[in-house]
Amino acid sequence: MTLNVGGSEHAGELTLRPAVEAVIAPLEKVQKVLKEMSGQVESETCILCEQAHVVEEKREIDFRQHTDKGEVSCRVAVQFNVCPQCGFEYWDDHAEAALDEAVRQAYAKLA
């Protein structure tokens, strides 16, 4: 019995490519689910330099926001994306939503 791994199939040869692919595809799905369950996220490429994968850092920030009822002070933990190559730091829409929610909660406490 001959094993054909890469290319042409000849009479009498056995090819395992479909069998291997049938095993690998479900394993990749399982790995993705396990990553999501553990809270790991594949890092994205830096939006500024496009040279490196960003490192995710959870930081607690304090800020003040002016409102029609006065100024509110807020503290919230947000995830920053930091590029190890160029040093650029930014946050995403989820962090922005967390900031907005912190302002809403502090605003609701004002008399």
PDB file of N, CA and C in Angstrom:
ATOM      1  N   MET A   1       0.857  -1.168   0.000  1.00  0.00           N
ATOM      2  CA  MET A   1       0.000   0.000   0.000  1.00  0.00           C
ATOM      3  C   MET A   1       0.903   1.229   0.000  1.00  0.00           C
ATOM      4  N   THR A   2       0.616   2.187  -0.877  1.00  0.00           N
ATOM      5  CA  THR A   2       1.388   3.413  -0.978  1.00  0.00           C
ATOM      6  C   THR A   2       0.585   4.567  -0.395  1.00  0.00           C
ATOM      7  N   LEU A   3       1.250   5.457   0.304  1.00  0.00           N
ATOM      8  CA  LEU A   3       0.604   6.627   0.884  1.00  0.00           C
ATOM      9  C   LEU A   3       0.881   7.826  -0.001  1.00  0.00           C
ATOM     10  N   ASN A   4      -0.172   8.448  -0.483  1.00  0.00           N
ATOM     11  CA  ASN A   4      -0.040   9.642  -1.316  1.00  0.00           C
ATOM     12  C   ASN A   4      -0.415  10.839  -0.467  1.00  0.00           C
ATOM     13  N   VAL A   5       0.550  11.712  -0.155  1.00  0.00           N
ATOM     14  CA  VAL A   5       0.274  12.830   0.718  1.00  0.00           C
ATOM     15  C   VAL A   5       0.059  14.109  -0.074  1.00  0.00           C
ATOM     16  N   GLY A   6       0.774  14.282  -1.161  1.00  0.00           N
ATOM     17  CA  GLY A   6       0.750  15.608  -1.743  1.00  0.00           C
ATOM     18  C   GLY A   6       0.114  15.757  -3.088  1.00  0.00           C
ATOM     19  N   GLY A   7       0.037  14.812  -3.905  1.00  0.00           N
ATOM     20  CA  GLY A   7      -0.366  15.231  -5.227  1.00  0.00           C
ATOM     21  C   GLY A   7      -1.136  14.210  -6.008  1.00  0.00           C
ATOM     22  N   SER A   8      -0.509  13.697  -7.036  1.00  0.00           N
ATOM     23  CA  SER A   8      -1.223  12.853  -7.982  1.00  0.00           C
ATOM     24  C   SER A   8      -1.596  11.525  -7.355  1.00  0.00           C
ATOM     25  N   GLU A   9      -2.732  11.054  -7.780  1.00  0.00           N
ATOM     26  CA  GLU A   9      -3.183   9.758  -7.307  1.00  0.00           C
ATOM     27  C   GLU A   9      -3.026   8.755  -8.439  1.00  0.00           C
ATOM     28  N   HIS A  10      -2.464   7.637  -8.129  1.00  0.00           N
ATOM     29  CA  HIS A  10      -2.304   6.566  -9.110  1.00  0.00           C
ATOM     30  C   HIS A  10      -3.106   5.371  -8.643  1.00  0.00           C
ATOM     31  N   ALA A  11      -3.433   4.503  -9.564  1.00  0.00           N
ATOM     32  CA  ALA A  11      -4.209   3.316  -9.224  1.00  0.00           C
ATOM     33  C   ALA A  11      -3.485   2.525  -8.148  1.00  0.00           C
ATOM     34  N   GLY A  12      -4.198   2.111  -7.152  1.00  0.00           N
ATOM     35  CA  GLY A  12      -3.634   1.299  -6.091  1.00  0.00           C
ATOM     36  C   GLY A  12      -3.079   2.108  -4.931  1.00  0.00           C
ATOM     37  N   GLU A  13      -2.982   3.445  -5.057  1.00  0.00           N
ATOM     38  CA  GLU A  13      -2.455   4.264  -3.970  1.00  0.00           C
ATOM     39  C   GLU A  13      -3.596   4.710  -3.065  1.00  0.00           C
ATOM     40  N   LEU A  14      -3.271   4.925  -1.834  1.00  0.00           N
ATOM     41  CA  LEU A  14      -4.244   5.378  -0.855  1.00  0.00           C
ATOM     42  C   LEU A  14      -3.931   6.822  -0.498  1.00  0.00           C
ATOM     43  N   THR A  15      -4.903   7.691  -0.586  1.00  0.00           N
ATOM     44  CA  THR A  15      -4.687   9.081  -0.198  1.00  0.00           C
ATOM     45  C   THR A  15      -5.395   9.354   1.124  1.00  0.00           C
ATOM     46  N   LEU A  16      -4.710  10.009   2.046  1.00  0.00           N
ATOM     47  CA  LEU A  16      -5.277  10.307   3.345  1.00  0.00           C
ATOM     48  C   LEU A  16      -5.699  11.767   3.473  1.00  0.00           C
ATOM     49  N   ARG A  17      -5.493  12.582   2.429  1.00  0.00           N
ATOM     50  CA  ARG A  17      -5.792  13.997   2.525  1.00  0.00           C
ATOM     51  C   ARG A  17      -7.222  14.260   3.007  1.00  0.00           C
ATOM     52  N   PRO A  18      -8.283  13.687   2.434  1.00  0.00           N
ATOM     53  CA  PRO A  18      -9.632  13.965   2.942  1.00  0.00           C
ATOM     54  C   PRO A  18      -9.806  13.521   4.395  1.00  0.00           C
ATOM     55  N   ALA A  19      -9.204  12.406   4.772  1.00  0.00           N
ATOM     56  CA  ALA A  19      -9.338  11.925   6.143  1.00  0.00           C
ATOM     57  C   ALA A  19      -8.641  12.860   7.120  1.00  0.00           C
ATOM     58  N   VAL A  20      -7.452  13.342   6.755  1.00  0.00           N
ATOM     59  CA  VAL A  20      -6.715  14.255   7.622  1.00  0.00           C
ATOM     60  C   VAL A  20      -7.475  15.572   7.742  1.00  0.00           C
ATOM     61  N   GLU A  21      -7.968  16.088   6.635  1.00  0.00           N
ATOM     62  CA  GLU A  21      -8.724  17.340   6.665  1.00  0.00           C
ATOM     63  C   GLU A  21     -10.003  17.192   7.492  1.00  0.00           C
ATOM     64  N   ALA A  22     -10.609  16.023   7.445  1.00  0.00           N
ATOM     65  CA  ALA A  22     -11.833  15.789   8.213  1.00  0.00           C
ATOM     66  C   ALA A  22     -11.554  15.802   9.710  1.00  0.00           C
ATOM     67  N   VAL A  23     -10.334  15.465  10.118  1.00  0.00           N
ATOM     68  CA  VAL A  23      -9.965  15.491  11.526  1.00  0.00           C
ATOM     69  C   VAL A  23      -9.501  16.887  11.941  1.00  0.00           C
ATOM     70  N   ILE A  24      -8.742  17.561  11.094  1.00  0.00           N
ATOM     71  CA  ILE A  24      -8.170  18.867  11.436  1.00  0.00           C
ATOM     72  C   ILE A  24      -9.245  19.935  11.568  1.00  0.00           C
ATOM     73  N   ALA A  25     -10.206  19.979  10.661  1.00  0.00           N
ATOM     74  CA  ALA A  25     -11.237  21.027  10.700  1.00  0.00           C
ATOM     75  C   ALA A  25     -11.994  21.026  12.028  1.00  0.00           C
ATOM     76  N   PRO A  26     -12.492  19.880  12.522  1.00  0.00           N
ATOM     77  CA  PRO A  26     -13.169  19.899  13.825  1.00  0.00           C
ATOM     78  C   PRO A  26     -12.228  20.271  14.971  1.00  0.00           C
ATOM     79  N   LEU A  27     -10.960  19.877  14.890  1.00  0.00           N
ATOM     80  CA  LEU A  27     -10.006  20.232  15.941  1.00  0.00           C
ATOM     81  C   LEU A  27      -9.796  21.742  15.998  1.00  0.00           C
ATOM     82  N   GLU A  28      -9.749  22.400  14.844  1.00  0.00           N
ATOM     83  CA  GLU A  28      -9.598  23.852  14.822  1.00  0.00           C
ATOM     84  C   GLU A  28     -10.800  24.529  15.465  1.00  0.00           C
ATOM     85  N   LYS A  29     -11.999  23.982  15.231  1.00  0.00           N
ATOM     86  CA  LYS A  29     -13.202  24.543  15.850  1.00  0.00           C
ATOM     87  C   LYS A  29     -13.161  24.370  17.363  1.00  0.00           C
ATOM     88  N   VAL A  30     -12.706  23.212  17.819  1.00  0.00           N
ATOM     89  CA  VAL A  30     -12.604  22.950  19.255  1.00  0.00           C
ATOM     90  C   VAL A  30     -11.604  23.906  19.884  1.00  0.00           C
ATOM     91  N   GLN A  31     -10.453  24.122  19.227  1.00  0.00           N
ATOM     92  CA  GLN A  31      -9.455  25.044  19.753  1.00  0.00           C
ATOM     93  C   GLN A  31     -10.023  26.454  19.859  1.00  0.00           C
ATOM     94  N   LYS A  32     -10.799  26.874  18.872  1.00  0.00           N
ATOM     95  CA  LYS A  32     -11.396  28.208  18.899  1.00  0.00           C
ATOM     96  C   LYS A  32     -12.369  28.339  20.075  1.00  0.00           C
ATOM     97  N   VAL A  33     -13.201  27.324  20.292  1.00  0.00           N
ATOM     98  CA  VAL A  33     -14.163  27.348  21.398  1.00  0.00           C
ATOM     99  C   VAL A  33     -13.430  27.379  22.732  1.00  0.00           C
ATOM    100  N   LEU A  34     -12.386  26.567  22.877  1.00  0.00           N
ATOM    101  CA  LEU A  34     -11.627  26.554  24.124  1.00  0.00           C
ATOM    102  C   LEU A  34     -10.965  27.898  24.385  1.00  0.00           C
ATOM    103  N   LYS A  35     -10.451  28.550  23.335  1.00  0.00           N
ATOM    104  CA  LYS A  35      -9.861  29.872  23.475  1.00  0.00           C
ATOM    105  C   LYS A  35     -10.893  30.865  23.971  1.00  0.00           C
ATOM    106  N   GLU A  36     -12.078  30.832  23.374  1.00  0.00           N
ATOM    107  CA  GLU A  36     -13.144  31.755  23.762  1.00  0.00           C
ATOM    108  C   GLU A  36     -13.569  31.503  25.204  1.00  0.00           C
ATOM    109  N   MET A  37     -13.631  30.245  25.608  1.00  0.00           N
ATOM    110  CA  MET A  37     -14.050  29.906  26.959  1.00  0.00           C
ATOM    111  C   MET A  37     -13.023  30.378  27.980  1.00  0.00           C
ATOM    112  N   SER A  38     -11.746  30.350  27.605  1.00  0.00           N
ATOM    113  CA  SER A  38     -10.709  30.742  28.553  1.00  0.00           C
ATOM    114  C   SER A  38     -10.503  32.243  28.570  1.00  0.00           C
ATOM    115  N   GLY A  39     -11.191  32.968  27.703  1.00  0.00           N
ATOM    116  CA  GLY A  39     -11.061  34.416  27.684  1.00  0.00           C
ATOM    117  C   GLY A  39      -9.909  34.904  26.825  1.00  0.00           C
ATOM    118  N   GLN A  40      -9.201  34.002  26.180  1.00  0.00           N
ATOM    119  CA  GLN A  40      -8.102  34.414  25.322  1.00  0.00           C
ATOM    120  C   GLN A  40      -8.665  34.928  24.007  1.00  0.00           C
ATOM    121  N   VAL A  41      -8.017  35.956  23.482  1.00  0.00           N
ATOM    122  CA  VAL A  41      -8.437  36.516  22.221  1.00  0.00           C
ATOM    123  C   VAL A  41      -7.209  36.600  21.323  1.00  0.00           C
ATOM    124  N   GLU A  42      -7.372  36.197  20.086  1.00  0.00           N
ATOM    125  CA  GLU A  42      -6.255  36.341  19.173  1.00  0.00           C
ATOM    126  C   GLU A  42      -5.969  37.823  19.005  1.00  0.00           C
ATOM    127  N   SER A  43      -4.717  38.199  19.138  1.00  0.00           N
ATOM    128  CA  SER A  43      -4.385  39.612  19.055  1.00  0.00           C
ATOM    129  C   SER A  43      -4.434  40.077  17.608  1.00  0.00           C
ATOM    130  N   GLU A  44      -4.803  41.333  17.469  1.00  0.00           N
ATOM    131  CA  GLU A  44      -4.902  41.931  16.152  1.00  0.00           C
ATOM    132  C   GLU A  44      -3.634  42.691  15.829  1.00  0.00           C
ATOM    133  N   THR A  45      -3.465  43.029  14.571  1.00  0.00           N
ATOM    134  CA  THR A  45      -2.323  43.810  14.137  1.00  0.00           C
ATOM    135  C   THR A  45      -2.555  45.268  14.497  1.00  0.00           C
ATOM    136  N   CYS A  46      -1.498  45.955  14.874  1.00  0.00           N
ATOM    137  CA  CYS A  46      -1.567  47.370  15.249  1.00  0.00           C
ATOM    138  C   CYS A  46      -2.193  48.180  14.117  1.00  0.00           C
ATOM    139  N   ILE A  47      -3.148  49.039  14.465  1.00  0.00           N
ATOM    140  CA  ILE A  47      -3.827  49.837  13.449  1.00  0.00           C
ATOM    141  C   ILE A  47      -2.975  51.009  12.973  1.00  0.00           C
ATOM    142  N   LEU A  48      -1.892  51.319  13.675  1.00  0.00           N
ATOM    143  CA  LEU A  48      -1.036  52.430  13.268  1.00  0.00           C
ATOM    144  C   LEU A  48       0.139  51.962  12.409  1.00  0.00           C
ATOM    145  N   CYS A  49       0.985  51.112  12.978  1.00  0.00           N
ATOM    146  CA  CYS A  49       2.185  50.697  12.237  1.00  0.00           C
ATOM    147  C   CYS A  49       1.965  49.453  11.383  1.00  0.00           C
ATOM    148  N   GLU A  50       0.948  48.660  11.706  1.00  0.00           N
ATOM    149  CA  GLU A  50       0.634  47.416  10.994  1.00  0.00           C
ATOM    150  C   GLU A  50       1.814  46.448  10.938  1.00  0.00           C
ATOM    151  N   GLN A  51       2.703  46.536  11.936  1.00  0.00           N
ATOM    152  CA  GLN A  51       3.909  45.711  11.953  1.00  0.00           C
ATOM    153  C   GLN A  51       3.905  44.634  13.029  1.00  0.00           C
ATOM    154  N   ALA A  52       3.121  44.829  14.071  1.00  0.00           N
ATOM    155  CA  ALA A  52       3.168  43.901  15.204  1.00  0.00           C
ATOM    156  C   ALA A  52       1.760  43.606  15.691  1.00  0.00           C
ATOM    157  N   HIS A  53       1.646  42.534  16.446  1.00  0.00           N
ATOM    158  CA  HIS A  53       0.373  42.192  17.090  1.00  0.00           C
ATOM    159  C   HIS A  53       0.292  42.937  18.418  1.00  0.00           C
ATOM    160  N   VAL A  54      -0.859  43.536  18.680  1.00  0.00           N
ATOM    161  CA  VAL A  54      -1.027  44.297  19.912  1.00  0.00           C
ATOM    162  C   VAL A  54      -1.124  43.367  21.108  1.00  0.00           C
ATOM    163  N   VAL A  55      -0.788  43.910  22.264  1.00  0.00           N
ATOM    164  CA  VAL A  55      -0.904  43.203  23.531  1.00  0.00           C
ATOM    165  C   VAL A  55      -2.082  43.832  24.259  1.00  0.00           C
ATOM    166  N   GLU A  56      -2.968  43.011  24.775  1.00  0.00           N
ATOM    167  CA  GLU A  56      -4.146  43.517  25.469  1.00  0.00           C
ATOM    168  C   GLU A  56      -3.833  43.688  26.948  1.00  0.00           C
ATOM    169  N   GLU A  57      -4.119  44.885  27.460  1.00  0.00           N
ATOM    170  CA  GLU A  57      -3.879  45.186  28.867  1.00  0.00           C
ATOM    171  C   GLU A  57      -5.136  45.777  29.483  1.00  0.00           C
ATOM    172  N   LYS A  58      -5.549  45.223  30.594  1.00  0.00           N
ATOM    173  CA  LYS A  58      -6.698  45.752  31.337  1.00  0.00           C
ATOM    174  C   LYS A  58      -6.172  46.825  32.282  1.00  0.00           C
ATOM    175  N   ARG A  59      -6.741  48.032  32.192  1.00  0.00           N
ATOM    176  CA  ARG A  59      -6.312  49.138  33.043  1.00  0.00           C
ATOM    177  C   ARG A  59      -7.524  49.814  33.662  1.00  0.00           C
ATOM    178  N   GLU A  60      -7.325  50.294  34.870  1.00  0.00           N
ATOM    179  CA  GLU A  60      -8.369  51.069  35.526  1.00  0.00           C
ATOM    180  C   GLU A  60      -8.031  52.544  35.317  1.00  0.00           C
ATOM    181  N   ILE A  61      -9.013  53.292  34.810  1.00  0.00           N
ATOM    182  CA  ILE A  61      -8.766  54.716  34.575  1.00  0.00           C
ATOM    183  C   ILE A  61      -9.789  55.554  35.337  1.00  0.00           C
ATOM    184  N   ASP A  62      -9.334  56.716  35.771  1.00  0.00           N
ATOM    185  CA  ASP A  62     -10.185  57.706  36.430  1.00  0.00           C
ATOM    186  C   ASP A  62     -10.358  58.873  35.469  1.00  0.00           C
ATOM    187  N   PHE A  63     -11.570  59.410  35.396  1.00  0.00           N
ATOM    188  CA  PHE A  63     -11.798  60.568  34.546  1.00  0.00           C
ATOM    189  C   PHE A  63     -12.998  61.356  35.054  1.00  0.00           C
ATOM    190  N   ARG A  64     -13.105  62.573  34.582  1.00  0.00           N
ATOM    191  CA  ARG A  64     -14.238  63.437  34.925  1.00  0.00           C
ATOM    192  C   ARG A  64     -14.953  63.807  33.642  1.00  0.00           C
ATOM    193  N   GLN A  65     -16.267  63.945  33.767  1.00  0.00           N
ATOM    194  CA  GLN A  65     -17.089  64.300  32.609  1.00  0.00           C
ATOM    195  C   GLN A  65     -18.047  65.413  33.015  1.00  0.00           C
ATOM    196  N   HIS A  66     -18.112  66.459  32.228  1.00  0.00           N
ATOM    197  CA  HIS A  66     -19.054  67.548  32.494  1.00  0.00           C
ATOM    198  C   HIS A  66     -20.433  67.146  31.954  1.00  0.00           C
ATOM    199  N   THR A  67     -21.479  67.362  32.773  1.00  0.00           N
ATOM    200  CA  THR A  67     -22.854  67.082  32.359  1.00  0.00           C
ATOM    201  C   THR A  67     -23.705  68.315  32.650  1.00  0.00           C
ATOM    202  N   ASP A  68     -24.961  68.267  32.257  1.00  0.00           N
ATOM    203  CA  ASP A  68     -25.862  69.393  32.520  1.00  0.00           C
ATOM    204  C   ASP A  68     -26.175  69.539  34.012  1.00  0.00           C
ATOM    205  N   LYS A  69     -25.921  68.494  34.804  1.00  0.00           N
ATOM    206  CA  LYS A  69     -26.135  68.566  36.249  1.00  0.00           C
ATOM    207  C   LYS A  69     -24.829  68.824  37.006  1.00  0.00           C
ATOM    208  N   GLY A  70     -23.767  69.016  36.302  1.00  0.00           N
ATOM    209  CA  GLY A  70     -22.467  69.231  36.936  1.00  0.00           C
ATOM    210  C   GLY A  70     -21.469  68.179  36.503  1.00  0.00           C
ATOM    211  N   GLU A  71     -20.322  68.206  37.144  1.00  0.00           N
ATOM    212  CA  GLU A  71     -19.249  67.293  36.788  1.00  0.00           C
ATOM    213  C   GLU A  71     -19.386  65.974  37.557  1.00  0.00           C
ATOM    214  N   VAL A  72     -19.134  64.868  36.869  1.00  0.00           N
ATOM    215  CA  VAL A  72     -19.139  63.557  37.514  1.00  0.00           C
ATOM    216  C   VAL A  72     -17.733  62.976  37.446  1.00  0.00           C
ATOM    217  N   SER A  73     -17.350  62.260  38.497  1.00  0.00           N
ATOM    218  CA  SER A  73     -16.066  61.554  38.531  1.00  0.00           C
ATOM    219  C   SER A  73     -16.339  60.072  38.355  1.00  0.00           C
ATOM    220  N   CYS A  74     -15.541  59.434  37.518  1.00  0.00           N
ATOM    221  CA  CYS A  74     -15.765  58.023  37.206  1.00  0.00           C
ATOM    222  C   CYS A  74     -14.459  57.249  37.293  1.00  0.00           C
ATOM    223  N   ARG A  75     -14.600  55.974  37.587  1.00  0.00           N
ATOM    224  CA  ARG A  75     -13.474  55.028  37.553  1.00  0.00           C
ATOM    225  C   ARG A  75     -13.998  53.774  36.875  1.00  0.00           C
ATOM    226  N   VAL A  76     -13.262  53.315  35.879  1.00  0.00           N
ATOM    227  CA  VAL A  76     -13.706  52.134  35.140  1.00  0.00           C
ATOM    228  C   VAL A  76     -12.487  51.370  34.624  1.00  0.00           C
ATOM    229  N   ALA A  77     -12.613  50.048  34.567  1.00  0.00           N
ATOM    230  CA  ALA A  77     -11.566  49.199  34.008  1.00  0.00           C
ATOM    231  C   ALA A  77     -11.867  48.972  32.535  1.00  0.00           C
ATOM    232  N   VAL A  78     -10.904  49.258  31.680  1.00  0.00           N
ATOM    233  CA  VAL A  78     -11.073  49.057  30.246  1.00  0.00           C
ATOM    234  C   VAL A  78      -9.853  48.330  29.690  1.00  0.00           C
ATOM    235  N   GLN A  79     -10.058  47.705  28.566  1.00  0.00           N
ATOM    236  CA  GLN A  79      -8.980  46.988  27.906  1.00  0.00           C
ATOM    237  C   GLN A  79      -8.315  47.896  26.883  1.00  0.00           C
ATOM    238  N   PHE A  80      -7.014  48.069  27.033  1.00  0.00           N
ATOM    239  CA  PHE A  80      -6.220  48.824  26.067  1.00  0.00           C
ATOM    240  C   PHE A  80      -5.518  47.851  25.140  1.00  0.00           C
ATOM    241  N   ASN A  81      -5.344  48.243  23.900  1.00  0.00           N
ATOM    242  CA  ASN A  81      -4.517  47.510  22.957  1.00  0.00           C
ATOM    243  C   ASN A  81      -3.219  48.295  22.828  1.00  0.00           C
ATOM    244  N   VAL A  82      -2.091  47.641  23.116  1.00  0.00           N
ATOM    245  CA  VAL A  82      -0.796  48.306  23.118  1.00  0.00           C
ATOM    246  C   VAL A  82       0.115  47.619  22.106  1.00  0.00           C
ATOM    247  N   CYS A  83       0.713  48.427  21.232  1.00  0.00           N
ATOM    248  CA  CYS A  83       1.625  47.874  20.232  1.00  0.00           C
ATOM    249  C   CYS A  83       3.042  47.844  20.790  1.00  0.00           C
ATOM    250  N   PRO A  84       3.662  46.669  20.852  1.00  0.00           N
ATOM    251  CA  PRO A  84       5.031  46.592  21.360  1.00  0.00           C
ATOM    252  C   PRO A  84       6.051  47.165  20.372  1.00  0.00           C
ATOM    253  N   GLN A  85       5.662  47.315  19.122  1.00  0.00           N
ATOM    254  CA  GLN A  85       6.567  47.819  18.087  1.00  0.00           C
ATOM    255  C   GLN A  85       6.666  49.346  18.125  1.00  0.00           C
ATOM    256  N   CYS A  86       5.520  50.037  18.036  1.00  0.00           N
ATOM    257  CA  CYS A  86       5.532  51.500  17.930  1.00  0.00           C
ATOM    258  C   CYS A  86       5.058  52.203  19.198  1.00  0.00           C
ATOM    259  N   GLY A  87       4.482  51.440  20.151  1.00  0.00           N
ATOM    260  CA  GLY A  87       4.040  52.018  21.409  1.00  0.00           C
ATOM    261  C   GLY A  87       2.647  52.635  21.379  1.00  0.00           C
ATOM    262  N   PHE A  88       1.975  52.584  20.245  1.00  0.00           N
ATOM    263  CA  PHE A  88       0.633  53.159  20.129  1.00  0.00           C
ATOM    264  C   PHE A  88      -0.331  52.406  21.042  1.00  0.00           C
ATOM    265  N   GLU A  89      -1.195  53.147  21.741  1.00  0.00           N
ATOM    266  CA  GLU A  89      -2.191  52.574  22.640  1.00  0.00           C
ATOM    267  C   GLU A  89      -3.571  53.067  22.229  1.00  0.00           C
ATOM    268  N   TYR A  90      -4.532  52.157  22.224  1.00  0.00           N
ATOM    269  CA  TYR A  90      -5.901  52.540  21.892  1.00  0.00           C
ATOM    270  C   TYR A  90      -6.868  51.552  22.510  1.00  0.00           C
ATOM    271  N   TRP A  91      -8.142  51.970  22.567  1.00  0.00           N
ATOM    272  CA  TRP A  91      -9.183  51.064  23.040  1.00  0.00           C
ATOM    273  C   TRP A  91     -10.236  50.919  21.971  1.00  0.00           C
ATOM    274  N   ASP A  92     -11.102  49.919  22.151  1.00  0.00           N
ATOM    275  CA  ASP A  92     -12.102  49.615  21.132  1.00  0.00           C
ATOM    276  C   ASP A  92     -13.487  50.100  21.553  1.00  0.00           C
ATOM    277  N   ASP A  93     -14.494  49.734  20.787  1.00  0.00           N
ATOM    278  CA  ASP A  93     -15.877  50.156  21.050  1.00  0.00           C
ATOM    279  C   ASP A  93     -16.409  49.624  22.380  1.00  0.00           C
ATOM    280  N   HIS A  94     -15.945  48.448  22.795  1.00  0.00           N
ATOM    281  CA  HIS A  94     -16.392  47.897  24.077  1.00  0.00           C
ATOM    282  C   HIS A  94     -15.904  48.773  25.229  1.00  0.00           C
ATOM    283  N   ALA A  95     -14.684  49.243  25.137  1.00  0.00           N
ATOM    284  CA  ALA A  95     -14.149  50.129  26.174  1.00  0.00           C
ATOM    285  C   ALA A  95     -14.905  51.453  26.170  1.00  0.00           C
ATOM    286  N   GLU A  96     -15.188  51.954  24.996  1.00  0.00           N
ATOM    287  CA  GLU A  96     -15.942  53.210  24.875  1.00  0.00           C
ATOM    288  C   GLU A  96     -17.323  53.064  25.512  1.00  0.00           C
ATOM    289  N   ALA A  97     -17.958  51.935  25.286  1.00  0.00           N
ATOM    290  CA  ALA A  97     -19.273  51.674  25.890  1.00  0.00           C
ATOM    291  C   ALA A  97     -19.168  51.611  27.411  1.00  0.00           C
ATOM    292  N   ALA A  98     -18.086  51.038  27.936  1.00  0.00           N
ATOM    293  CA  ALA A  98     -17.886  50.971  29.389  1.00  0.00           C
ATOM    294  C   ALA A  98     -17.726  52.373  29.974  1.00  0.00           C
ATOM    295  N   LEU A  99     -17.029  53.254  29.258  1.00  0.00           N
ATOM    296  CA  LEU A  99     -16.878  54.636  29.706  1.00  0.00           C
ATOM    297  C   LEU A  99     -18.234  55.337  29.731  1.00  0.00           C
ATOM    298  N   ASP A 100     -19.008  55.164  28.680  1.00  0.00           N
ATOM    299  CA  ASP A 100     -20.345  55.775  28.618  1.00  0.00           C
ATOM    300  C   ASP A 100     -21.230  55.285  29.759  1.00  0.00           C
ATOM    301  N   GLU A 101     -21.164  53.996  30.035  1.00  0.00           N
ATOM    302  CA  GLU A 101     -21.982  53.431  31.111  1.00  0.00           C
ATOM    303  C   GLU A 101     -21.559  53.976  32.466  1.00  0.00           C
ATOM    304  N   ALA A 102     -20.270  54.148  32.682  1.00  0.00           N
ATOM    305  CA  ALA A 102     -19.788  54.714  33.948  1.00  0.00           C
ATOM    306  C   ALA A 102     -20.313  56.132  34.131  1.00  0.00           C
ATOM    307  N   VAL A 103     -20.343  56.924  33.062  1.00  0.00           N
ATOM    308  CA  VAL A 103     -20.876  58.286  33.135  1.00  0.00           C
ATOM    309  C   VAL A 103     -22.371  58.245  33.431  1.00  0.00           C
ATOM    310  N   ARG A 104     -23.100  57.344  32.769  1.00  0.00           N
ATOM    311  CA  ARG A 104     -24.544  57.226  33.004  1.00  0.00           C
ATOM    312  C   ARG A 104     -24.840  56.901  34.466  1.00  0.00           C
ATOM    313  N   GLN A 105     -24.088  55.963  35.025  1.00  0.00           N
ATOM    314  CA  GLN A 105     -24.314  55.569  36.426  1.00  0.00           C
ATOM    315  C   GLN A 105     -23.990  56.713  37.384  1.00  0.00           C
ATOM    316  N   ALA A 106     -22.898  57.409  37.136  1.00  0.00           N
ATOM    317  CA  ALA A 106     -22.536  58.546  38.002  1.00  0.00           C
ATOM    318  C   ALA A 106     -23.546  59.675  37.843  1.00  0.00           C
ATOM    319  N   TYR A 107     -24.047  59.889  36.653  1.00  0.00           N
ATOM    320  CA  TYR A 107     -25.046  60.930  36.386  1.00  0.00           C
ATOM    321  C   TYR A 107     -26.340  60.641  37.133  1.00  0.00           C
ATOM    322  N   ALA A 108     -26.719  59.349  37.157  1.00  0.00           N
ATOM    323  CA  ALA A 108     -27.967  58.957  37.830  1.00  0.00           C
ATOM    324  C   ALA A 108     -27.893  59.217  39.334  1.00  0.00           C
ATOM    325  N   LYS A 109     -26.693  59.246  39.892  1.00  0.00           N
ATOM    326  CA  LYS A 109     -26.530  59.493  41.336  1.00  0.00           C
ATOM    327  C   LYS A 109     -26.623  60.976  41.693  1.00  0.00           C
ATOM    328  N   LEU A 110     -26.513  61.871  40.689  1.00  0.00           N
ATOM    329  CA  LEU A 110     -26.588  63.306  40.964  1.00  0.00           C
ATOM    330  C   LEU A 110     -28.019  63.709  41.302  1.00  0.00           C
ATOM    331  N   ALA A 111     -28.150  64.663  42.203  1.00  0.00           N
ATOM    332  CA  ALA A 111     -29.492  65.124  42.583  1.00  0.00           C
ATOM    333  C   ALA A 111     -30.007  66.181  41.645  1.00  0.00           C
TER     334      ALA A 111
END
